């Protein structure tokens, strides 16, 4: 049987995790953290978390990673409702990455482009 401490030690020595303080670990690469956050949000249907932070540049990559594997319609709608330059850019990026989105949102995006 493999012990949890042995697995943790192996992951730390591989460079994926860093012990920041005694017993407190974090992933070294931010992209891995963003990916895991996006997967957590997708798996637990927590898209509302991303909707609340559409204008936060720190959440952009997590949102795009979520959109790549999920229907980003709620996020695109929130971005269009916000209407800032940053959120409009995110709306278009999510629409490009997303697996599915509503025709109504595609029409709203097209209308936004023509302005």
Protein backbone atom coordinates (compact mmCIF):
# COMPACT_ATOMS: atom_id res chain seq x y z
CA UNK A 1 0.00 0.00 0.00
CA UNK A 2 1.14 3.48 -0.82
CA UNK A 3 1.14 5.98 2.02
CA UNK A 4 -0.14 9.53 1.50
CA UNK A 5 3.09 11.00 2.87
CA UNK A 6 5.11 9.07 0.28
CA UNK A 7 2.93 10.33 -2.56
CA UNK A 8 3.18 13.90 -1.27
CA UNK A 9 6.94 13.60 -0.94
CA UNK A 10 7.22 12.32 -4.51
CA UNK A 11 5.06 15.14 -5.88
CA UNK A 12 7.13 17.74 -3.99
CA UNK A 13 10.40 16.26 -5.24
CA UNK A 14 9.04 16.26 -8.81
CA UNK A 15 8.58 20.01 -8.61
CA UNK A 16 4.79 20.12 -9.01
CA UNK A 17 4.18 21.17 -5.43
CA UNK A 18 6.10 23.53 -3.24
CA UNK A 19 5.94 23.50 0.55
CA UNK A 20 5.44 27.21 1.28
CA UNK A 21 5.35 26.71 5.04
CA UNK A 22 5.49 23.61 7.16
CA UNK A 23 2.51 21.51 6.04
CA UNK A 24 1.21 24.14 3.58
CA UNK A 25 1.67 23.28 -0.09
CA UNK A 26 0.81 24.97 -3.35
CA UNK A 27 1.21 24.16 -7.00
CA UNK A 28 4.28 25.74 -8.52
CA UNK A 29 2.72 26.51 -11.92
CA UNK A 30 -0.19 28.92 -11.92
CA UNK A 31 -1.65 27.27 -15.03
CA UNK A 32 -2.08 24.02 -13.13
CA UNK A 33 -3.86 25.89 -10.34
CA UNK A 34 -6.11 27.63 -12.87
CA UNK A 35 -6.91 24.35 -14.61
CA UNK A 36 -7.77 22.61 -11.33
CA UNK A 37 -9.93 25.56 -10.27
CA UNK A 38 -11.79 25.45 -13.61
CA UNK A 39 -12.33 21.70 -13.26
CA UNK A 40 -13.57 22.11 -9.70
CA UNK A 41 -16.02 24.79 -10.82
CA UNK A 42 -17.21 22.63 -13.73
CA UNK A 43 -17.52 19.43 -11.68
CA UNK A 44 -19.55 21.13 -8.96
CA UNK A 45 -21.60 23.36 -11.26
CA UNK A 46 -20.26 26.55 -9.66
CA UNK A 47 -20.29 28.73 -12.77
CA UNK A 48 -21.80 31.52 -10.65
CA UNK A 49 -18.35 31.92 -9.09
CA UNK A 50 -16.89 32.84 -12.48
CA UNK A 51 -19.86 35.03 -13.38
CA UNK A 52 -19.16 37.21 -10.32
CA UNK A 53 -15.55 37.83 -11.40
CA UNK A 54 -15.85 38.43 -15.15
CA UNK A 55 -14.05 41.77 -14.81
CA UNK A 56 -11.18 40.35 -12.73
CA UNK A 57 -8.09 39.81 -14.91
CA UNK A 58 -6.73 37.28 -12.39
CA UNK A 59 -9.66 34.96 -13.20
CA UNK A 60 -9.43 35.22 -17.01
CA UNK A 61 -7.44 32.03 -17.62
CA UNK A 62 -9.54 30.00 -15.20
CA UNK A 63 -12.64 31.25 -17.01
CA UNK A 64 -11.20 30.35 -20.42
CA UNK A 65 -10.20 26.90 -19.22
CA UNK A 66 -13.73 26.43 -17.91
CA UNK A 67 -15.19 27.62 -21.22
CA UNK A 68 -13.08 25.16 -23.20
CA UNK A 69 -14.91 22.23 -21.58
CA UNK A 70 -18.29 23.71 -20.72
CA UNK A 71 -21.15 25.81 -22.00
CA UNK A 72 -19.94 29.33 -21.35
CA UNK A 73 -23.29 30.97 -22.16
CA UNK A 74 -23.84 32.28 -18.60
CA UNK A 75 -20.36 33.79 -18.56
CA UNK A 76 -20.72 35.32 -22.03
CA UNK A 77 -24.07 36.82 -20.99
CA UNK A 78 -22.53 38.30 -17.81
CA UNK A 79 -19.67 39.76 -19.85
CA UNK A 80 -22.05 41.32 -22.36
CA UNK A 81 -24.18 42.72 -19.54
CA UNK A 82 -21.10 44.27 -17.94
CA UNK A 83 -20.05 45.80 -21.23
CA UNK A 84 -16.54 46.84 -20.25
CA UNK A 85 -13.73 46.46 -22.73
CA UNK A 86 -12.20 43.70 -20.61
CA UNK A 87 -15.43 41.73 -20.28
CA UNK A 88 -16.29 42.08 -23.96
CA UNK A 89 -12.87 40.67 -24.83
CA UNK A 90 -13.52 37.80 -22.41
CA UNK A 91 -16.96 37.20 -23.95
CA UNK A 92 -15.46 36.78 -27.40
CA UNK A 93 -12.64 34.60 -26.09
CA UNK A 94 -15.10 32.37 -24.22
CA UNK A 95 -17.35 32.13 -27.25
CA UNK A 96 -14.36 31.00 -29.29
CA UNK A 97 -13.31 28.42 -26.67
CA UNK A 98 -16.75 27.23 -25.63
CA UNK A 99 -18.28 23.91 -26.62
CA UNK A 100 -21.77 25.35 -26.91
CA UNK A 101 -23.58 28.62 -26.61
CA UNK A 102 -27.04 29.88 -27.39
CA UNK A 103 -28.06 31.42 -30.70
CA UNK A 104 -29.30 34.45 -28.79
CA UNK A 105 -25.82 35.04 -27.36
CA UNK A 106 -24.22 34.57 -30.78
CA UNK A 107 -26.59 37.24 -32.09
CA UNK A 108 -25.67 39.58 -29.22
CA UNK A 109 -21.97 39.02 -29.92
CA UNK A 110 -22.47 39.73 -33.62
CA UNK A 111 -24.37 42.93 -32.80
CA UNK A 112 -21.54 43.99 -30.48
CA UNK A 113 -18.97 43.45 -33.23
CA UNK A 114 -20.89 45.64 -35.66
CA UNK A 115 -20.99 48.62 -33.29
